[in-house]
Amino acid sequence: MTATVETRPGERAGLITALTRGFCGRCPHCGEGKVFGRYLKVRPACESCGLELGHHRADDLPPYIVIFLVGHVVGYFLLETEMNYDLPLWFQLTFWPIVTLLGCLGLLQPVKGAVVGLQYALGMHGFAKLPLARTSDVPQSGGHADPETQRGPADGRAAERTPGFGPA
């Protein structure tokens, strides 16, 4: 049985929740929409909750993290096999580059999603403004959403839950 954490439209998800959702390729706010349209191309907005994702600034952090992790893991196992086993050189020269390449390609998208989730949780690079509630969630008044229902940094309830390292 898996537990799900729902985030209301005016409430920011916690740090661990946003990182986990981003790592899984889901919207860090609602957990339902997809972050990526293609392998590393972040969608402009979440199709589920409307959170704008296009202004993220992941830049070079995901590759640095992936190189750090894969380099240490592959380097350790390469050293262990070299010191403890007598493997032929052709095997070492073909196996370890393939493992390194597959490890980097397998981790790059999840790590980039986690970095986008980190930026969302900390309110960085335009993530300070939360999405408006969907029209199905907001009581209808004249056929459009009431501007008074917008929640975000200017709302009194948002002062209690500021972006950052709050409860996860």
N, C-alpha and C. Protein backbone atom coordinates (compact mmCIF):
# COMPACT_ATOMS: atom_id res chain seq x y z
N MET A 1 0.85 -1.16 0.00
CA MET A 1 0.00 0.00 0.00
C MET A 1 0.90 1.23 0.00
N THR A 2 0.62 2.17 -0.89
CA THR A 2 1.40 3.39 -0.96
C THR A 2 0.57 4.56 -0.46
N ALA A 3 1.22 5.44 0.25
CA ALA A 3 0.54 6.63 0.75
C ALA A 3 0.79 7.78 -0.21
N THR A 4 -0.25 8.54 -0.49
CA THR A 4 -0.11 9.69 -1.35
C THR A 4 -0.33 10.95 -0.53
N VAL A 5 0.43 11.97 -0.87
CA VAL A 5 0.31 13.25 -0.20
C VAL A 5 -0.28 14.22 -1.20
N GLU A 6 -1.46 14.73 -0.89
CA GLU A 6 -2.10 15.67 -1.80
C GLU A 6 -1.73 17.09 -1.40
N THR A 7 -1.50 17.91 -2.41
CA THR A 7 -1.17 19.30 -2.19
C THR A 7 -2.34 20.15 -2.68
N ARG A 8 -2.85 21.00 -1.82
CA ARG A 8 -3.92 21.89 -2.22
C ARG A 8 -3.34 22.97 -3.12
N PRO A 9 -4.19 23.63 -3.93
CA PRO A 9 -3.69 24.61 -4.89
C PRO A 9 -2.86 25.73 -4.27
N GLY A 10 -3.18 26.22 -3.09
CA GLY A 10 -2.44 27.32 -2.50
C GLY A 10 -1.36 26.89 -1.54
N GLU A 11 -1.07 25.62 -1.46
CA GLU A 11 -0.10 25.11 -0.51
C GLU A 11 1.09 24.51 -1.24
N ARG A 12 2.28 24.85 -0.82
CA ARG A 12 3.50 24.34 -1.44
C ARG A 12 3.86 22.98 -0.84
N ALA A 13 4.25 22.05 -1.70
CA ALA A 13 4.70 20.74 -1.23
C ALA A 13 6.02 20.90 -0.48
N GLY A 14 6.29 20.01 0.44
CA GLY A 14 7.52 20.05 1.21
C GLY A 14 8.73 19.68 0.38
N LEU A 15 9.89 19.84 0.96
CA LEU A 15 11.15 19.62 0.24
C LEU A 15 11.29 18.18 -0.22
N ILE A 16 11.13 17.23 0.69
CA ILE A 16 11.31 15.82 0.33
C ILE A 16 10.24 15.37 -0.67
N THR A 17 9.02 15.83 -0.48
CA THR A 17 7.93 15.48 -1.40
C THR A 17 8.22 16.02 -2.79
N ALA A 18 8.64 17.28 -2.89
CA ALA A 18 8.93 17.88 -4.19
C ALA A 18 10.12 17.19 -4.87
N LEU A 19 11.16 16.87 -4.10
CA LEU A 19 12.31 16.16 -4.67
C LEU A 19 11.92 14.78 -5.19
N THR A 20 11.11 14.07 -4.41
CA THR A 20 10.68 12.73 -4.81
C THR A 20 9.81 12.78 -6.06
N ARG A 21 8.87 13.71 -6.08
CA ARG A 21 8.01 13.84 -7.26
C ARG A 21 8.83 14.21 -8.49
N GLY A 22 9.76 15.14 -8.35
CA GLY A 22 10.61 15.51 -9.47
C GLY A 22 11.49 14.37 -9.93
N PHE A 23 12.05 13.60 -9.00
CA PHE A 23 12.89 12.46 -9.34
C PHE A 23 12.10 11.41 -10.13
N CYS A 24 10.82 11.27 -9.80
CA CYS A 24 9.96 10.32 -10.51
C CYS A 24 9.41 10.88 -11.82
N GLY A 25 9.74 12.14 -12.15
CA GLY A 25 9.29 12.74 -13.40
C GLY A 25 7.90 13.33 -13.32
N ARG A 26 7.42 13.59 -12.13
CA ARG A 26 6.08 14.16 -11.92
C ARG A 26 6.19 15.62 -11.48
N CYS A 27 5.08 16.32 -11.61
CA CYS A 27 5.02 17.72 -11.20
C CYS A 27 5.31 17.83 -9.72
N PRO A 28 6.22 18.71 -9.30
CA PRO A 28 6.54 18.81 -7.88
C PRO A 28 5.40 19.38 -7.04
N HIS A 29 4.42 20.04 -7.67
CA HIS A 29 3.32 20.62 -6.92
C HIS A 29 2.18 19.61 -6.69
N CYS A 30 1.71 19.00 -7.77
CA CYS A 30 0.54 18.12 -7.64
C CYS A 30 0.90 16.64 -7.67
N GLY A 31 2.02 16.28 -8.29
CA GLY A 31 2.41 14.88 -8.36
C GLY A 31 1.69 14.09 -9.44
N GLU A 32 0.86 14.74 -10.24
CA GLU A 32 0.09 14.03 -11.27
C GLU A 32 0.63 14.28 -12.67
N GLY A 33 0.89 15.54 -13.00
CA GLY A 33 1.36 15.87 -14.34
C GLY A 33 2.81 15.47 -14.54
N LYS A 34 3.22 15.42 -15.80
CA LYS A 34 4.60 15.06 -16.13
C LYS A 34 5.46 16.31 -16.24
N VAL A 35 6.71 16.22 -15.79
CA VAL A 35 7.63 17.34 -15.87
C VAL A 35 8.25 17.41 -17.26
N PHE A 36 8.56 16.26 -17.86
CA PHE A 36 9.30 16.24 -19.11
C PHE A 36 8.39 15.93 -20.29
N GLY A 37 8.59 16.69 -21.38
CA GLY A 37 7.90 16.41 -22.63
C GLY A 37 8.71 15.46 -23.49
N ARG A 38 10.03 15.63 -23.46
CA ARG A 38 10.97 14.72 -24.10
C ARG A 38 12.00 14.31 -23.07
N TYR A 39 13.09 13.73 -23.50
CA TYR A 39 14.05 13.15 -22.54
C TYR A 39 14.51 14.16 -21.49
N LEU A 40 14.99 15.32 -21.91
CA LEU A 40 15.43 16.34 -20.96
C LEU A 40 14.70 17.67 -21.13
N LYS A 41 13.71 17.73 -21.98
CA LYS A 41 12.97 18.97 -22.24
C LYS A 41 11.83 19.09 -21.23
N VAL A 42 11.91 20.12 -20.39
CA VAL A 42 10.88 20.35 -19.37
C VAL A 42 9.69 21.02 -20.04
N ARG A 43 8.49 20.54 -19.68
CA ARG A 43 7.27 21.12 -20.24
C ARG A 43 7.12 22.57 -19.78
N PRO A 44 6.42 23.41 -20.57
CA PRO A 44 6.22 24.80 -20.14
C PRO A 44 5.36 24.91 -18.88
N ALA A 45 4.37 24.02 -18.74
CA ALA A 45 3.49 24.05 -17.57
C ALA A 45 2.94 22.65 -17.33
N CYS A 46 2.55 22.39 -16.10
CA CYS A 46 1.94 21.10 -15.76
C CYS A 46 0.55 21.04 -16.35
N GLU A 47 0.22 19.95 -17.02
CA GLU A 47 -1.10 19.83 -17.63
C GLU A 47 -2.18 19.53 -16.61
N SER A 48 -1.79 19.17 -15.41
CA SER A 48 -2.76 18.82 -14.38
C SER A 48 -3.11 20.00 -13.49
N CYS A 49 -2.10 20.67 -12.93
CA CYS A 49 -2.37 21.75 -11.97
C CYS A 49 -2.08 23.13 -12.52
N GLY A 50 -1.36 23.24 -13.63
CA GLY A 50 -1.07 24.53 -14.24
C GLY A 50 0.18 25.22 -13.72
N LEU A 51 1.00 24.54 -12.92
CA LEU A 51 2.23 25.15 -12.42
C LEU A 51 3.17 25.42 -13.59
N GLU A 52 3.67 26.65 -13.68
CA GLU A 52 4.59 27.00 -14.75
C GLU A 52 5.95 26.39 -14.45
N LEU A 53 6.43 25.55 -15.37
CA LEU A 53 7.71 24.86 -15.18
C LEU A 53 8.80 25.40 -16.10
N GLY A 54 8.42 26.19 -17.10
CA GLY A 54 9.36 26.60 -18.13
C GLY A 54 10.44 27.55 -17.68
N HIS A 55 10.30 28.16 -16.52
CA HIS A 55 11.28 29.14 -16.07
C HIS A 55 12.31 28.55 -15.12
N HIS A 56 12.40 27.23 -15.04
CA HIS A 56 13.38 26.60 -14.15
C HIS A 56 14.78 26.91 -14.65
N ARG A 57 15.77 26.78 -13.77
CA ARG A 57 17.16 27.04 -14.12
C ARG A 57 18.01 25.87 -13.63
N ALA A 58 17.81 24.70 -14.17
CA ALA A 58 18.60 23.54 -13.74
C ALA A 58 20.04 23.65 -14.22
N ASP A 59 20.23 24.15 -15.44
CA ASP A 59 21.54 24.40 -16.03
C ASP A 59 22.49 23.21 -15.89
N ASP A 60 23.63 23.40 -15.19
CA ASP A 60 24.67 22.38 -15.14
C ASP A 60 24.66 21.53 -13.88
N LEU A 61 23.77 21.81 -12.94
CA LEU A 61 23.78 21.04 -11.69
C LEU A 61 23.47 19.56 -11.90
N PRO A 62 22.45 19.17 -12.69
CA PRO A 62 22.19 17.73 -12.86
C PRO A 62 23.37 16.95 -13.45
N PRO A 63 24.05 17.44 -14.51
CA PRO A 63 25.21 16.68 -14.98
C PRO A 63 26.33 16.57 -13.95
N TYR A 64 26.55 17.62 -13.17
CA TYR A 64 27.58 17.56 -12.13
C TYR A 64 27.24 16.49 -11.09
N ILE A 65 26.00 16.45 -10.67
CA ILE A 65 25.58 15.45 -9.68
C ILE A 65 25.72 14.05 -10.26
N VAL A 66 25.29 13.87 -11.51
CA VAL A 66 25.36 12.54 -12.14
C VAL A 66 26.81 12.11 -12.31
N ILE A 67 27.67 13.00 -12.77
CA ILE A 67 29.09 12.66 -12.93
C ILE A 67 29.70 12.30 -11.57
N PHE A 68 29.36 13.05 -10.54
CA PHE A 68 29.88 12.77 -9.21
C PHE A 68 29.45 11.39 -8.73
N LEU A 69 28.15 11.08 -8.86
CA LEU A 69 27.65 9.79 -8.38
C LEU A 69 28.17 8.62 -9.20
N VAL A 70 28.02 8.69 -10.51
CA VAL A 70 28.43 7.58 -11.38
C VAL A 70 29.95 7.42 -11.34
N GLY A 71 30.68 8.52 -11.31
CA GLY A 71 32.13 8.43 -11.26
C GLY A 71 32.63 7.72 -10.01
N HIS A 72 32.01 8.02 -8.87
CA HIS A 72 32.44 7.37 -7.63
C HIS A 72 32.05 5.89 -7.61
N VAL A 73 30.86 5.57 -8.06
CA VAL A 73 30.42 4.16 -8.05
C VAL A 73 31.24 3.34 -9.04
N VAL A 74 31.37 3.82 -10.28
CA VAL A 74 32.13 3.08 -11.29
C VAL A 74 33.60 3.03 -10.92
N GLY A 75 34.14 4.12 -10.41
CA GLY A 75 35.54 4.13 -10.00
C GLY A 75 35.83 3.12 -8.89
N TYR A 76 34.92 3.02 -7.94
CA TYR A 76 35.10 2.04 -6.86
C TYR A 76 35.10 0.62 -7.40
N PHE A 77 34.10 0.29 -8.21
CA PHE A 77 34.04 -1.08 -8.73
C PHE A 77 35.16 -1.38 -9.72
N LEU A 78 35.58 -0.39 -10.47
CA LEU A 78 36.72 -0.57 -11.36
C LEU A 78 37.98 -0.88 -10.56
N LEU A 79 38.21 -0.15 -9.50
CA LEU A 79 39.37 -0.38 -8.65
C LEU A 79 39.29 -1.75 -7.97
N GLU A 80 38.13 -2.11 -7.49
CA GLU A 80 37.96 -3.42 -6.84
C GLU A 80 38.21 -4.57 -7.81
N THR A 81 37.67 -4.49 -9.02
CA THR A 81 37.91 -5.57 -9.98
C THR A 81 39.36 -5.61 -10.43
N GLU A 82 39.99 -4.46 -10.55
CA GLU A 82 41.39 -4.43 -10.97
C GLU A 82 42.31 -5.02 -9.90
N MET A 83 42.00 -4.75 -8.64
CA MET A 83 42.85 -5.22 -7.55
C MET A 83 42.60 -6.69 -7.18
N ASN A 84 41.38 -7.17 -7.33
CA ASN A 84 41.04 -8.50 -6.83
C ASN A 84 40.88 -9.57 -7.91
N TYR A 85 40.73 -9.19 -9.15
CA TYR A 85 40.50 -10.16 -10.22
C TYR A 85 41.47 -9.90 -11.35
N ASP A 86 41.76 -10.95 -12.09
CA ASP A 86 42.65 -10.83 -13.24
C ASP A 86 41.79 -10.86 -14.50
N LEU A 87 41.17 -9.73 -14.81
CA LEU A 87 40.32 -9.63 -15.99
C LEU A 87 41.14 -9.13 -17.17
N PRO A 88 40.84 -9.59 -18.38
CA PRO A 88 41.60 -9.11 -19.53
C PRO A 88 41.35 -7.62 -19.80
N LEU A 89 42.31 -6.99 -20.40
CA LEU A 89 42.25 -5.56 -20.66
C LEU A 89 41.10 -5.21 -21.61
N TRP A 90 40.85 -6.05 -22.62
CA TRP A 90 39.77 -5.76 -23.57
C TRP A 90 38.42 -5.72 -22.85
N PHE A 91 38.24 -6.56 -21.83
CA PHE A 91 37.00 -6.54 -21.07
C PHE A 91 36.87 -5.25 -20.28
N GLN A 92 37.95 -4.84 -19.62
CA GLN A 92 37.92 -3.61 -18.84
C GLN A 92 37.64 -2.40 -19.73
N LEU A 93 38.23 -2.36 -20.92
CA LEU A 93 38.09 -1.22 -21.82
C LEU A 93 36.73 -1.18 -22.51
N THR A 94 35.99 -2.26 -22.52
CA THR A 94 34.66 -2.24 -23.13
C THR A 94 33.55 -2.19 -22.08
N PHE A 95 33.72 -2.89 -20.97
CA PHE A 95 32.66 -2.99 -19.97
C PHE A 95 32.45 -1.69 -19.21
N TRP A 96 33.51 -1.08 -18.68
CA TRP A 96 33.36 0.10 -17.82
C TRP A 96 32.86 1.34 -18.55
N PRO A 97 33.29 1.62 -19.77
CA PRO A 97 32.67 2.76 -20.47
C PRO A 97 31.18 2.56 -20.75
N ILE A 98 30.78 1.32 -21.03
CA ILE A 98 29.36 1.05 -21.27
C ILE A 98 28.57 1.24 -19.97
N VAL A 99 29.10 0.74 -18.86
CA VAL A 99 28.42 0.91 -17.57
C VAL A 99 28.33 2.39 -17.21
N THR A 100 29.39 3.13 -17.46
CA THR A 100 29.39 4.57 -17.18
C THR A 100 28.36 5.30 -18.02
N LEU A 101 28.31 5.01 -19.30
CA LEU A 101 27.36 5.66 -20.20
C LEU A 101 25.92 5.34 -19.81
N LEU A 102 25.63 4.07 -19.55
CA LEU A 102 24.27 3.70 -19.17
C LEU A 102 23.87 4.29 -17.82
N GLY A 103 24.82 4.34 -16.90
CA GLY A 103 24.53 4.95 -15.59
C GLY A 103 24.23 6.44 -15.72
N CYS A 104 25.01 7.13 -16.54
CA CYS A 104 24.78 8.57 -16.73
C CYS A 104 23.46 8.83 -17.44
N LEU A 105 23.18 8.08 -18.49
CA LEU A 105 21.92 8.29 -19.21
C LEU A 105 20.71 7.90 -18.36
N GLY A 106 20.88 6.91 -17.51
CA GLY A 106 19.76 6.49 -16.67
C GLY A 106 19.48 7.45 -15.53
N LEU A 107 20.48 8.15 -15.04
CA LEU A 107 20.29 9.06 -13.90
C LEU A 107 20.05 10.51 -14.29
N LEU A 108 20.36 10.90 -15.51
CA LEU A 108 20.31 12.32 -15.86
C LEU A 108 18.90 12.90 -15.77
N GLN A 109 17.91 12.22 -16.33
CA GLN A 109 16.55 12.75 -16.28
C GLN A 109 15.98 12.77 -14.85
N PRO A 110 16.10 11.70 -14.07
CA PRO A 110 15.59 11.78 -12.69
C PRO A 110 16.28 12.86 -11.85
N VAL A 111 17.59 13.04 -12.02
CA VAL A 111 18.29 14.05 -11.25
C VAL A 111 17.85 15.45 -11.69
N LYS A 112 17.64 15.66 -12.97
CA LYS A 112 17.15 16.96 -13.43
C LYS A 112 15.75 17.23 -12.89
N GLY A 113 14.90 16.22 -12.86
CA GLY A 113 13.58 16.39 -12.26
C GLY A 113 13.66 16.73 -10.78
N ALA A 114 14.60 16.10 -10.08
CA ALA A 114 14.77 16.40 -8.66
C ALA A 114 15.29 17.82 -8.46
N VAL A 115 16.14 18.32 -9.35
CA VAL A 115 16.63 19.69 -9.25
C VAL A 115 15.48 20.68 -9.50
N VAL A 116 14.61 20.38 -10.45
CA VAL A 116 13.43 21.22 -10.67
C VAL A 116 12.53 21.18 -9.43
N GLY A 117 12.37 20.01 -8.83
CA GLY A 117 11.60 19.91 -7.59
C GLY A 117 12.24 20.68 -6.45
N LEU A 118 13.57 20.68 -6.38
CA LEU A 118 14.28 21.46 -5.36
C LEU A 118 14.03 22.95 -5.55
N GLN A 119 14.11 23.41 -6.79
CA GLN A 119 13.86 24.82 -7.06
C GLN A 119 12.42 25.20 -6.71
N TYR A 120 11.48 24.31 -6.99
CA TYR A 120 10.08 24.56 -6.63
C TYR A 120 9.92 24.64 -5.11
N ALA A 121 10.52 23.70 -4.38
CA ALA A 121 10.35 23.66 -2.92
C ALA A 121 10.97 24.87 -2.25
N LEU A 122 12.06 25.40 -2.82
CA LEU A 122 12.71 26.56 -2.25
C LEU A 122 12.18 27.87 -2.79
N GLY A 123 11.25 27.81 -3.75
CA GLY A 123 10.66 29.02 -4.32
C GLY A 123 11.62 29.81 -5.18
N MET A 124 12.50 29.13 -5.88
CA MET A 124 13.53 29.79 -6.70
C MET A 124 13.05 29.97 -8.14
N HIS A 125 13.59 30.97 -8.84
CA HIS A 125 13.44 31.17 -10.27
C HIS A 125 11.99 31.17 -10.74
N GLY A 126 11.15 31.92 -10.12
CA GLY A 126 9.77 32.05 -10.57
C GLY A 126 8.82 31.05 -9.96
N PHE A 127 9.30 30.13 -9.14
CA PHE A 127 8.42 29.16 -8.50
C PHE A 127 7.76 29.72 -7.25
N ALA A 128 7.99 30.99 -6.93
CA ALA A 128 7.37 31.58 -5.74
C ALA A 128 5.87 31.74 -5.94
N LYS A 129 5.43 31.87 -7.20
CA LYS A 129 4.01 32.02 -7.49
C LYS A 129 3.41 30.64 -7.74
N LEU A 130 2.46 30.26 -6.90
CA LEU A 130 1.80 28.97 -7.02
C LEU A 130 0.67 29.06 -8.02
N PRO A 131 0.26 27.92 -8.60
CA PRO A 131 -0.83 27.96 -9.58
C PRO A 131 -2.16 28.27 -8.91
N LEU A 132 -3.05 28.84 -9.68
CA LEU A 132 -4.40 29.09 -9.22
C LEU A 132 -5.16 27.79 -9.14
N ALA A 133 -6.20 27.77 -8.32
CA ALA A 133 -7.05 26.59 -8.24
C ALA A 133 -7.78 26.42 -9.57
N ARG A 134 -8.01 25.19 -9.97
CA ARG A 134 -8.76 24.91 -11.18
C ARG A 134 -10.20 25.36 -11.01
N THR A 135 -10.87 25.61 -12.13
CA THR A 135 -12.25 26.10 -12.05
C THR A 135 -13.18 25.09 -11.41
N SER A 136 -12.85 23.81 -11.47
CA SER A 136 -13.69 22.80 -10.82
C SER A 136 -13.54 22.84 -9.31
N ASP A 137 -12.38 23.35 -8.81
CA ASP A 137 -12.15 23.43 -7.38
C ASP A 137 -12.69 24.72 -6.78
N VAL A 138 -12.87 25.76 -7.61
CA VAL A 138 -13.27 27.06 -7.12
C VAL A 138 -14.76 27.24 -7.35
N PRO A 139 -15.50 27.78 -6.37
CA PRO A 139 -16.91 28.05 -6.60
C PRO A 139 -17.08 29.05 -7.75
N GLN A 140 -18.01 28.75 -8.62
CA GLN A 140 -18.23 29.59 -9.78
C GLN A 140 -18.95 30.87 -9.39
N SER A 141 -18.46 31.99 -9.89
CA SER A 141 -19.13 33.26 -9.68
C SER A 141 -19.10 34.01 -11.00
N GLY A 142 -20.18 33.93 -11.73
CA GLY A 142 -20.25 34.63 -13.01
C GLY A 142 -19.49 33.94 -14.11
N GLY A 143 -19.19 32.65 -13.99
CA GLY A 143 -18.55 31.90 -15.07
C GLY A 143 -17.04 31.95 -15.07
N HIS A 144 -16.41 32.66 -14.13
CA HIS A 144 -14.95 32.68 -14.08
C HIS A 144 -14.50 32.64 -12.63
N ALA A 145 -13.25 32.29 -12.46
CA ALA A 145 -12.71 32.15 -11.11
C ALA A 145 -12.57 33.53 -10.46
N ASP A 146 -12.89 33.61 -9.21
CA ASP A 146 -12.81 34.86 -8.46
C ASP A 146 -11.35 35.19 -8.19
N PRO A 147 -10.89 36.41 -8.50
CA PRO A 147 -9.47 36.73 -8.26
C PRO A 147 -9.10 36.73 -6.79
N GLU A 148 -10.07 36.80 -5.90
CA GLU A 148 -9.79 36.77 -4.48
C GLU A 148 -9.33 35.39 -4.01
N THR A 149 -9.58 34.33 -4.83
CA THR A 149 -9.20 32.99 -4.43
C THR A 149 -7.76 32.66 -4.78
N GLN A 150 -7.05 33.59 -5.42
CA GLN A 150 -5.66 33.33 -5.76
C GLN A 150 -4.84 33.24 -4.48
N ARG A 151 -4.04 32.19 -4.43
CA ARG A 151 -3.20 32.00 -3.26
C ARG A 151 -1.75 32.07 -3.67
N GLY A 152 -0.96 32.63 -2.85
CA GLY A 152 0.45 32.76 -3.17
C GLY A 152 1.14 33.58 -2.10
N PRO A 153 2.26 34.22 -2.44
CA PRO A 153 3.00 34.96 -1.44
C PRO A 153 2.22 36.13 -0.82
N ALA A 154 1.27 36.72 -1.56
CA ALA A 154 0.53 37.86 -1.03
C ALA A 154 -0.61 37.43 -0.12
N ASP A 155 -0.95 36.15 -0.10
CA ASP A 155 -2.05 35.65 0.72
C ASP A 155 -1.57 35.46 2.16
N GLY A 156 -2.45 35.68 3.11
CA GLY A 156 -2.09 35.54 4.52
C GLY A 156 -1.72 34.12 4.89
N ARG A 157 -2.36 33.14 4.26
CA ARG A 157 -2.05 31.75 4.59
C ARG A 157 -0.68 31.33 4.08
N ALA A 158 -0.18 32.00 3.06
CA ALA A 158 1.13 31.65 2.52
C ALA A 158 2.25 32.09 3.46
N ALA A 159 1.97 33.06 4.34
CA ALA A 159 3.00 33.51 5.26
C ALA A 159 3.37 32.42 6.26
N GLU A 160 2.41 31.54 6.55
CA GLU A 160 2.68 30.44 7.46
C GLU A 160 3.58 29.40 6.81
N ARG A 161 3.48 29.24 5.49
CA ARG A 161 4.20 28.20 4.77
C ARG A 161 5.07 28.84 3.73
N THR A 162 6.21 29.32 4.11
CA THR A 162 7.12 29.95 3.18
C THR A 162 8.00 28.89 2.52
N PRO A 163 8.50 29.19 1.31
CA PRO A 163 9.37 28.22 0.66
C PRO A 163 10.66 28.04 1.45
N GLY A 164 11.17 26.85 1.42
CA GLY A 164 12.43 26.58 2.09
C GLY A 164 12.44 25.22 2.73
N PHE A 165 13.26 25.05 3.72
CA PHE A 165 13.44 23.76 4.36
C PHE A 165 12.43 23.55 5.47
N GLY A 166 11.16 23.67 5.14
CA GLY A 166 10.09 23.46 6.12
C GLY A 166 9.82 21.98 6.30
N PRO A 167 8.72 21.64 6.95
CA PRO A 167 8.39 20.22 7.15
C PRO A 167 8.13 19.55 5.81
N ALA A 168 8.68 18.38 5.66
CA ALA A 168 8.59 17.68 4.36
C ALA A 168 7.33 16.90 4.26
